[in-house]
Amino acid sequence: MEILLWVLVLSISFSSMEFMAWFSHKYIMHGFLWVLHKDHHKKNHKSWFERNDLFFIFYAIVSAVFMLMWGEYNFWPGLPIGIGIFC
C-alpha cells in the first residue's frame, strides 16, 4: 500500500508540474518575466548562460527543498514530490 501511495504522489506531482510548465511558459515567461525569457528565443549574446536558465534553477531548488524535507525532517512525501518535480 505504501508503494501505491508513493507512486500516486509522484504521478500527481509530475502531472502538476507538466501543467505548471505549460502555464508558466505561456503566461509568466511570455508575460511579465519576458525580460528573463527573451534571450531563449533571440540569441544575441556569446555566453553559455541565458537569463532563461533562472527558471530551471528555481524549479531545481524547489525539487531539492522537498528532497531535503524528506531527508532531514522525515517528511515522507518529500521524496516522491521532489522526484516528480525533477522528472
PDB file of N, CA and C in Angstrom:
ATOM      1  N   MET A   1       0.816  -1.197   0.000  1.00  0.00           N
ATOM      2  CA  MET A   1       0.000   0.000   0.000  1.00  0.00           C
ATOM      3  C   MET A   1       0.861   1.263   0.000  1.00  0.00           C
ATOM      4  N   GLU A   2       1.972   1.225   0.736  1.00  0.00           N
ATOM      5  CA  GLU A   2       2.868   2.386   0.764  1.00  0.00           C
ATOM      6  C   GLU A   2       3.439   2.680  -0.616  1.00  0.00           C
ATOM      7  N   ILE A   3       3.783   1.636  -1.350  1.00  0.00           N
ATOM      8  CA  ILE A   3       4.350   1.819  -2.688  1.00  0.00           C
ATOM      9  C   ILE A   3       3.309   2.462  -3.605  1.00  0.00           C
ATOM     10  N   LEU A   4       2.062   2.020  -3.507  1.00  0.00           N
ATOM     11  CA  LEU A   4       0.995   2.589  -4.321  1.00  0.00           C
ATOM     12  C   LEU A   4       0.804   4.070  -4.005  1.00  0.00           C
ATOM     13  N   LEU A   5       0.820   4.425  -2.730  1.00  0.00           N
ATOM     14  CA  LEU A   5       0.682   5.824  -2.328  1.00  0.00           C
ATOM     15  C   LEU A   5       1.871   6.644  -2.808  1.00  0.00           C
ATOM     16  N   TRP A   6       3.075   6.081  -2.718  1.00  0.00           N
ATOM     17  CA  TRP A   6       4.292   6.750  -3.169  1.00  0.00           C
ATOM     18  C   TRP A   6       4.211   7.043  -4.668  1.00  0.00           C
ATOM     19  N   VAL A   7       3.791   6.037  -5.440  1.00  0.00           N
ATOM     20  CA  VAL A   7       3.668   6.193  -6.898  1.00  0.00           C
ATOM     21  C   VAL A   7       2.569   7.206  -7.235  1.00  0.00           C
ATOM     22  N   LEU A   8       1.482   7.202  -6.471  1.00  0.00           N
ATOM     23  CA  LEU A   8       0.395   8.150  -6.687  1.00  0.00           C
ATOM     24  C   LEU A   8       0.871   9.587  -6.458  1.00  0.00           C
ATOM     25  N   VAL A   9       1.601   9.822  -5.364  1.00  0.00           N
ATOM     26  CA  VAL A   9       2.106  11.162  -5.055  1.00  0.00           C
ATOM     27  C   VAL A   9       3.089  11.609  -6.145  1.00  0.00           C
ATOM     28  N   LEU A  10       3.982  10.714  -6.583  1.00  0.00           N
ATOM     29  CA  LEU A  10       4.928  11.043  -7.643  1.00  0.00           C
ATOM     30  C   LEU A  10       4.196  11.385  -8.937  1.00  0.00           C
ATOM     31  N   SER A  11       3.193  10.603  -9.282  1.00  0.00           N
ATOM     32  CA  SER A  11       2.429  10.833 -10.526  1.00  0.00           C
ATOM     33  C   SER A  11       1.672  12.158 -10.477  1.00  0.00           C
ATOM     34  N   ILE A  12       1.081  12.461  -9.331  1.00  0.00           N
ATOM     35  CA  ILE A  12       0.352  13.724  -9.192  1.00  0.00           C
ATOM     36  C   ILE A  12       1.314  14.901  -9.285  1.00  0.00           C
ATOM     37  N   SER A  13       2.485  14.795  -8.635  1.00  0.00           N
ATOM     38  CA  SER A  13       3.443  15.908  -8.724  1.00  0.00           C
ATOM     39  C   SER A  13       3.977  16.069 -10.135  1.00  0.00           C
ATOM     40  N   PHE A  14       4.239  14.973 -10.828  1.00  0.00           N
ATOM     41  CA  PHE A  14       4.710  15.059 -12.207  1.00  0.00           C
ATOM     42  C   PHE A  14       3.644  15.723 -13.091  1.00  0.00           C
ATOM     43  N   SER A  15       2.399  15.272 -12.962  1.00  0.00           N
ATOM     44  CA  SER A  15       1.309  15.841 -13.765  1.00  0.00           C
ATOM     45  C   SER A  15       1.105  17.316 -13.445  1.00  0.00           C
ATOM     46  N   SER A  16       1.182  17.666 -12.174  1.00  0.00           N
ATOM     47  CA  SER A  16       1.032  19.067 -11.776  1.00  0.00           C
ATOM     48  C   SER A  16       2.140  19.918 -12.367  1.00  0.00           C
ATOM     49  N   MET A  17       3.342  19.393 -12.403  1.00  0.00           N
ATOM     50  CA  MET A  17       4.459  20.154 -12.954  1.00  0.00           C
ATOM     51  C   MET A  17       4.347  20.285 -14.469  1.00  0.00           C
ATOM     52  N   GLU A  18       3.765  19.310 -15.142  1.00  0.00           N
ATOM     53  CA  GLU A  18       3.542  19.443 -16.585  1.00  0.00           C
ATOM     54  C   GLU A  18       2.594  20.606 -16.851  1.00  0.00           C
ATOM     55  N   PHE A  19       1.519  20.695 -16.055  1.00  0.00           N
ATOM     56  CA  PHE A  19       0.608  21.825 -16.186  1.00  0.00           C
ATOM     57  C   PHE A  19       1.329  23.122 -15.835  1.00  0.00           C
ATOM     58  N   MET A  20       2.102  23.102 -14.760  1.00  0.00           N
ATOM     59  CA  MET A  20       2.818  24.304 -14.316  1.00  0.00           C
ATOM     60  C   MET A  20       3.810  24.766 -15.384  1.00  0.00           C
ATOM     61  N   ALA A  21       4.470  23.833 -16.056  1.00  0.00           N
ATOM     62  CA  ALA A  21       5.416  24.189 -17.113  1.00  0.00           C
ATOM     63  C   ALA A  21       4.692  24.891 -18.258  1.00  0.00           C
ATOM     64  N   TRP A  22       3.549  24.347 -18.664  1.00  0.00           N
ATOM     65  CA  TRP A  22       2.773  24.974 -19.734  1.00  0.00           C
ATOM     66  C   TRP A  22       2.293  26.357 -19.302  1.00  0.00           C
ATOM     67  N   PHE A  23       1.716  26.437 -18.115  1.00  0.00           N
ATOM     68  CA  PHE A  23       1.157  27.693 -17.616  1.00  0.00           C
ATOM     69  C   PHE A  23       2.236  28.755 -17.461  1.00  0.00           C
ATOM     70  N   SER A  24       3.352  28.389 -16.840  1.00  0.00           N
ATOM     71  CA  SER A  24       4.405  29.385 -16.611  1.00  0.00           C
ATOM     72  C   SER A  24       5.043  29.822 -17.925  1.00  0.00           C
ATOM     73  N   HIS A  25       5.165  28.922 -18.896  1.00  0.00           N
ATOM     74  CA  HIS A  25       5.735  29.318 -20.174  1.00  0.00           C
ATOM     75  C   HIS A  25       4.810  30.284 -20.906  1.00  0.00           C
ATOM     76  N   LYS A  26       3.526  29.972 -20.914  1.00  0.00           N
ATOM     77  CA  LYS A  26       2.580  30.799 -21.662  1.00  0.00           C
ATOM     78  C   LYS A  26       2.294  32.142 -20.990  1.00  0.00           C
ATOM     79  N   TYR A  27       2.080  32.127 -19.686  1.00  0.00           N
ATOM     80  CA  TYR A  27       1.593  33.334 -19.019  1.00  0.00           C
ATOM     81  C   TYR A  27       2.650  34.080 -18.204  1.00  0.00           C
ATOM     82  N   ILE A  28       3.686  33.415 -17.786  1.00  0.00           N
ATOM     83  CA  ILE A  28       4.712  34.084 -16.975  1.00  0.00           C
ATOM     84  C   ILE A  28       5.932  34.420 -17.829  1.00  0.00           C
ATOM     85  N   MET A  29       6.491  33.394 -18.509  1.00  0.00           N
ATOM     86  CA  MET A  29       7.688  33.639 -19.319  1.00  0.00           C
ATOM     87  C   MET A  29       7.409  34.544 -20.511  1.00  0.00           C
ATOM     88  N   HIS A  30       6.239  34.391 -21.110  1.00  0.00           N
ATOM     89  CA  HIS A  30       5.871  35.260 -22.232  1.00  0.00           C
ATOM     90  C   HIS A  30       5.035  36.436 -21.759  1.00  0.00           C
ATOM     91  N   GLY A  31       4.956  36.602 -20.444  1.00  0.00           N
ATOM     92  CA  GLY A  31       4.223  37.704 -19.849  1.00  0.00           C
ATOM     93  C   GLY A  31       5.169  38.643 -19.127  1.00  0.00           C
ATOM     94  N   PHE A  32       4.960  38.775 -17.820  1.00  0.00           N
ATOM     95  CA  PHE A  32       5.704  39.779 -17.063  1.00  0.00           C
ATOM     96  C   PHE A  32       7.177  39.445 -16.846  1.00  0.00           C
ATOM     97  N   LEU A  33       7.593  38.192 -17.072  1.00  0.00           N
ATOM     98  CA  LEU A  33       9.019  37.851 -16.956  1.00  0.00           C
ATOM     99  C   LEU A  33       9.670  37.620 -18.327  1.00  0.00           C
ATOM    100  N   TRP A  34       9.109  38.250 -19.353  1.00  0.00           N
ATOM    101  CA  TRP A  34       9.666  38.164 -20.694  1.00  0.00           C
ATOM    102  C   TRP A  34      11.119  38.630 -20.713  1.00  0.00           C
ATOM    103  N   VAL A  35      11.448  39.586 -19.868  1.00  0.00           N
ATOM    104  CA  VAL A  35      12.815  40.122 -19.820  1.00  0.00           C
ATOM    105  C   VAL A  35      13.831  39.009 -19.502  1.00  0.00           C
ATOM    106  N   LEU A  36      13.419  37.996 -18.750  1.00  0.00           N
ATOM    107  CA  LEU A  36      14.313  36.862 -18.451  1.00  0.00           C
ATOM    108  C   LEU A  36      14.260  35.784 -19.535  1.00  0.00           C
ATOM    109  N   HIS A  37      13.164  35.700 -20.248  1.00  0.00           N
ATOM    110  CA  HIS A  37      12.953  34.588 -21.181  1.00  0.00           C
ATOM    111  C   HIS A  37      13.344  34.905 -22.618  1.00  0.00           C
ATOM    112  N   LYS A  38      13.393  36.194 -22.972  1.00  0.00           N
ATOM    113  CA  LYS A  38      13.573  36.542 -24.389  1.00  0.00           C
ATOM    114  C   LYS A  38      14.911  36.093 -24.967  1.00  0.00           C
ATOM    115  N   ASP A  39      15.967  35.971 -24.138  1.00  0.00           N
ATOM    116  CA  ASP A  39      17.247  35.525 -24.693  1.00  0.00           C
ATOM    117  C   ASP A  39      17.213  34.046 -25.088  1.00  0.00           C
ATOM    118  N   HIS A  40      16.188  33.337 -24.691  1.00  0.00           N
ATOM    119  CA  HIS A  40      15.997  31.954 -25.112  1.00  0.00           C
ATOM    120  C   HIS A  40      15.517  31.912 -26.568  1.00  0.00           C
ATOM    121  N   HIS A  41      14.793  32.929 -26.990  1.00  0.00           N
ATOM    122  CA  HIS A  41      14.266  32.995 -28.351  1.00  0.00           C
ATOM    123  C   HIS A  41      15.189  33.754 -29.296  1.00  0.00           C
ATOM    124  N   LYS A  42      15.898  34.737 -28.768  1.00  0.00           N
ATOM    125  CA  LYS A  42      16.785  35.578 -29.575  1.00  0.00           C
ATOM    126  C   LYS A  42      18.190  35.484 -29.017  1.00  0.00           C
ATOM    127  N   LYS A  43      19.060  34.777 -29.725  1.00  0.00           N
ATOM    128  CA  LYS A  43      20.443  34.596 -29.278  1.00  0.00           C
ATOM    129  C   LYS A  43      21.290  35.785 -29.728  1.00  0.00           C
ATOM    130  N   ASN A  44      21.422  36.767 -28.858  1.00  0.00           N
ATOM    131  CA  ASN A  44      22.266  37.915 -29.188  1.00  0.00           C
ATOM    132  C   ASN A  44      23.362  38.095 -28.129  1.00  0.00           C
ATOM    133  N   HIS A  45      23.852  36.978 -27.626  1.00  0.00           N
ATOM    134  CA  HIS A  45      24.906  37.012 -26.621  1.00  0.00           C
ATOM    135  C   HIS A  45      25.877  35.875 -26.902  1.00  0.00           C
ATOM    136  N   LYS A  46      27.055  35.956 -26.330  1.00  0.00           N
ATOM    137  CA  LYS A  46      28.075  34.925 -26.558  1.00  0.00           C
ATOM    138  C   LYS A  46      28.222  33.983 -25.365  1.00  0.00           C
ATOM    139  N   SER A  47      27.491  34.223 -24.309  1.00  0.00           N
ATOM    140  CA  SER A  47      27.587  33.429 -23.089  1.00  0.00           C
ATOM    141  C   SER A  47      26.854  32.100 -23.232  1.00  0.00           C
ATOM    142  N   TRP A  48      27.312  31.084 -22.523  1.00  0.00           N
ATOM    143  CA  TRP A  48      26.621  29.801 -22.498  1.00  0.00           C
ATOM    144  C   TRP A  48      25.418  29.867 -21.559  1.00  0.00           C
ATOM    145  N   PHE A  49      25.418  30.842 -20.656  1.00  0.00           N
ATOM    146  CA  PHE A  49      24.329  31.006 -19.699  1.00  0.00           C
ATOM    147  C   PHE A  49      23.317  32.009 -20.227  1.00  0.00           C
ATOM    148  N   GLU A  50      22.052  31.658 -20.157  1.00  0.00           N
ATOM    149  CA  GLU A  50      20.971  32.561 -20.542  1.00  0.00           C
ATOM    150  C   GLU A  50      20.199  32.946 -19.282  1.00  0.00           C
ATOM    151  N   ARG A  51      19.632  34.115 -19.296  1.00  0.00           N
ATOM    152  CA  ARG A  51      18.797  34.506 -18.153  1.00  0.00           C
ATOM    153  C   ARG A  51      17.612  33.558 -18.018  1.00  0.00           C
ATOM    154  N   ASN A  52      17.202  32.952 -19.100  1.00  0.00           N
ATOM    155  CA  ASN A  52      16.122  31.978 -19.087  1.00  0.00           C
ATOM    156  C   ASN A  52      16.447  30.783 -18.183  1.00  0.00           C
ATOM    157  N   ASP A  53      17.728  30.486 -17.990  1.00  0.00           N
ATOM    158  CA  ASP A  53      18.137  29.375 -17.136  1.00  0.00           C
ATOM    159  C   ASP A  53      17.733  29.578 -15.682  1.00  0.00           C
ATOM    160  N   LEU A  54      17.407  30.789 -15.306  1.00  0.00           N
ATOM    161  CA  LEU A  54      16.960  31.047 -13.937  1.00  0.00           C
ATOM    162  C   LEU A  54      15.664  30.308 -13.621  1.00  0.00           C
ATOM    163  N   PHE A  55      14.823  30.080 -14.628  1.00  0.00           N
ATOM    164  CA  PHE A  55      13.597  29.316 -14.408  1.00  0.00           C
ATOM    165  C   PHE A  55      13.941  27.877 -14.025  1.00  0.00           C
ATOM    166  N   PHE A  56      14.895  27.282 -14.716  1.00  0.00           N
ATOM    167  CA  PHE A  56      15.336  25.924 -14.390  1.00  0.00           C
ATOM    168  C   PHE A  56      15.912  25.877 -12.977  1.00  0.00           C
ATOM    169  N   ILE A  57      16.730  26.849 -12.639  1.00  0.00           N
ATOM    170  CA  ILE A  57      17.342  26.884 -11.312  1.00  0.00           C
ATOM    171  C   ILE A  57      16.268  26.994 -10.233  1.00  0.00           C
ATOM    172  N   PHE A  58      15.237  27.805 -10.466  1.00  0.00           N
ATOM    173  CA  PHE A  58      14.154  27.945  -9.492  1.00  0.00           C
ATOM    174  C   PHE A  58      13.476  26.602  -9.232  1.00  0.00           C
ATOM    175  N   TYR A  59      13.090  25.882 -10.298  1.00  0.00           N
ATOM    176  CA  TYR A  59      12.406  24.602 -10.118  1.00  0.00           C
ATOM    177  C   TYR A  59      13.338  23.528  -9.555  1.00  0.00           C
ATOM    178  N   ALA A  60      14.618  23.612  -9.849  1.00  0.00           N
ATOM    179  CA  ALA A  60      15.579  22.673  -9.257  1.00  0.00           C
ATOM    180  C   ALA A  60      15.678  22.898  -7.748  1.00  0.00           C
ATOM    181  N   ILE A  61      15.637  24.149  -7.327  1.00  0.00           N
ATOM    182  CA  ILE A  61      15.691  24.456  -5.891  1.00  0.00           C
ATOM    183  C   ILE A  61      14.426  23.949  -5.197  1.00  0.00           C
ATOM    184  N   VAL A  62      13.271  24.151  -5.820  1.00  0.00           N
ATOM    185  CA  VAL A  62      12.017  23.658  -5.232  1.00  0.00           C
ATOM    186  C   VAL A  62      12.076  22.140  -5.067  1.00  0.00           C
ATOM    187  N   SER A  63      12.545  21.436  -6.090  1.00  0.00           N
ATOM    188  CA  SER A  63      12.684  19.986  -6.030  1.00  0.00           C
ATOM    189  C   SER A  63      13.643  19.574  -4.909  1.00  0.00           C
ATOM    190  N   ALA A  64      14.777  20.258  -4.819  1.00  0.00           N
ATOM    191  CA  ALA A  64      15.777  19.929  -3.799  1.00  0.00           C
ATOM    192  C   ALA A  64      15.247  20.185  -2.390  1.00  0.00           C
ATOM    193  N   VAL A  65      14.456  21.229  -2.216  1.00  0.00           N
ATOM    194  CA  VAL A  65      13.891  21.528  -0.891  1.00  0.00           C
ATOM    195  C   VAL A  65      12.975  20.392  -0.442  1.00  0.00           C
ATOM    196  N   PHE A  66      12.153  19.865  -1.337  1.00  0.00           N
ATOM    197  CA  PHE A  66      11.297  18.735  -0.967  1.00  0.00           C
ATOM    198  C   PHE A  66      12.121  17.505  -0.607  1.00  0.00           C
ATOM    199  N   MET A  67      13.194  17.262  -1.346  1.00  0.00           N
ATOM    200  CA  MET A  67      14.045  16.115  -1.022  1.00  0.00           C
ATOM    201  C   MET A  67      14.752  16.307   0.315  1.00  0.00           C
ATOM    202  N   LEU A  68      15.157  17.528   0.600  1.00  0.00           N
ATOM    203  CA  LEU A  68      15.769  17.814   1.902  1.00  0.00           C
ATOM    204  C   LEU A  68      14.763  17.648   3.032  1.00  0.00           C
ATOM    205  N   MET A  69      13.523  18.036   2.799  1.00  0.00           N
ATOM    206  CA  MET A  69      12.488  17.850   3.816  1.00  0.00           C
ATOM    207  C   MET A  69      12.285  16.367   4.106  1.00  0.00           C
ATOM    208  N   TRP A  70      12.407  15.550   3.073  1.00  0.00           N
ATOM    209  CA  TRP A  70      12.293  14.105   3.255  1.00  0.00           C
ATOM    210  C   TRP A  70      13.456  13.581   4.096  1.00  0.00           C
ATOM    211  N   GLY A  71      14.665  14.021   3.765  1.00  0.00           N
ATOM    212  CA  GLY A  71      15.843  13.503   4.446  1.00  0.00           C
ATOM    213  C   GLY A  71      16.051  14.063   5.841  1.00  0.00           C
ATOM    214  N   GLU A  72      15.792  15.339   6.032  1.00  0.00           N
ATOM    215  CA  GLU A  72      16.095  15.991   7.306  1.00  0.00           C
ATOM    216  C   GLU A  72      14.934  15.987   8.290  1.00  0.00           C
ATOM    217  N   TYR A  73      13.712  16.071   7.770  1.00  0.00           N
ATOM    218  CA  TYR A  73      12.553  16.211   8.651  1.00  0.00           C
ATOM    219  C   TYR A  73      11.593  15.033   8.580  1.00  0.00           C
ATOM    220  N   ASN A  74      12.022  13.970   7.908  1.00  0.00           N
ATOM    221  CA  ASN A  74      11.231  12.746   7.797  1.00  0.00           C
ATOM    222  C   ASN A  74       9.838  13.015   7.220  1.00  0.00           C
ATOM    223  N   PHE A  75       9.760  13.935   6.264  1.00  0.00           N
ATOM    224  CA  PHE A  75       8.514  14.246   5.550  1.00  0.00           C
ATOM    225  C   PHE A  75       8.431  13.274   4.386  1.00  0.00           C
ATOM    226  N   TRP A  76       7.710  12.159   4.573  1.00  0.00           N
ATOM    227  CA  TRP A  76       7.764  11.064   3.604  1.00  0.00           C
ATOM    228  C   TRP A  76       7.357  11.475   2.194  1.00  0.00           C
ATOM    229  N   PRO A  77       6.357  12.384   1.971  1.00  0.00           N
ATOM    230  CA  PRO A  77       6.030  12.726   0.580  1.00  0.00           C
ATOM    231  C   PRO A  77       7.102  13.595  -0.095  1.00  0.00           C
ATOM    232  N   GLY A  78       8.077  14.071   0.667  1.00  0.00           N
ATOM    233  CA  GLY A  78       9.093  14.954   0.091  1.00  0.00           C
ATOM    234  C   GLY A  78       9.868  14.323  -1.051  1.00  0.00           C
ATOM    235  N   LEU A  79      10.217  13.048  -0.910  1.00  0.00           N
ATOM    236  CA  LEU A  79      10.991  12.383  -1.967  1.00  0.00           C
ATOM    237  C   LEU A  79      10.172  12.178  -3.246  1.00  0.00           C
ATOM    238  N   PRO A  80       8.963  11.597  -3.158  1.00  0.00           N
ATOM    239  CA  PRO A  80       8.211  11.458  -4.420  1.00  0.00           C
ATOM    240  C   PRO A  80       7.825  12.804  -5.045  1.00  0.00           C
ATOM    241  N   ILE A  81       7.557  13.820  -4.223  1.00  0.00           N
ATOM    242  CA  ILE A  81       7.251  15.140  -4.783  1.00  0.00           C
ATOM    243  C   ILE A  81       8.484  15.703  -5.470  1.00  0.00           C
ATOM    244  N   GLY A  82       9.629  15.609  -4.795  1.00  0.00           N
ATOM    245  CA  GLY A  82      10.885  16.108  -5.379  1.00  0.00           C
ATOM    246  C   GLY A  82      11.230  15.403  -6.684  1.00  0.00           C
ATOM    247  N   ILE A  83      11.047  14.100  -6.728  1.00  0.00           N
ATOM    248  CA  ILE A  83      11.332  13.341  -7.948  1.00  0.00           C
ATOM    249  C   ILE A  83      10.325  13.698  -9.037  1.00  0.00           C
ATOM    250  N   GLY A  84       9.048  13.864  -8.661  1.00  0.00           N
ATOM    251  CA  GLY A  84       8.016  14.246  -9.629  1.00  0.00           C
ATOM    252  C   GLY A  84       8.319  15.596 -10.250  1.00  0.00           C
ATOM    253  N   ILE A  85       8.775  16.557  -9.449  1.00  0.00           N
ATOM    254  CA  ILE A  85       9.142  17.866  -9.976  1.00  0.00           C
ATOM    255  C   ILE A  85      10.365  17.740 -10.885  1.00  0.00           C
ATOM    256  N   PHE A  86      11.331  16.933 -10.470  1.00  0.00           N
ATOM    257  CA  PHE A  86      12.545  16.731 -11.246  1.00  0.00           C
ATOM    258  C   PHE A  86      12.249  16.112 -12.614  1.00  0.00           C
ATOM    259  N   CYS A  87      11.353  15.130 -12.618  1.00  0.00           N
ATOM    260  CA  CYS A  87      11.006  14.461 -13.888  1.00  0.00           C
ATOM    261  C   CYS A  87      10.306  15.409 -14.825  1.00  0.00           C
TER     262      CYS A  87
END
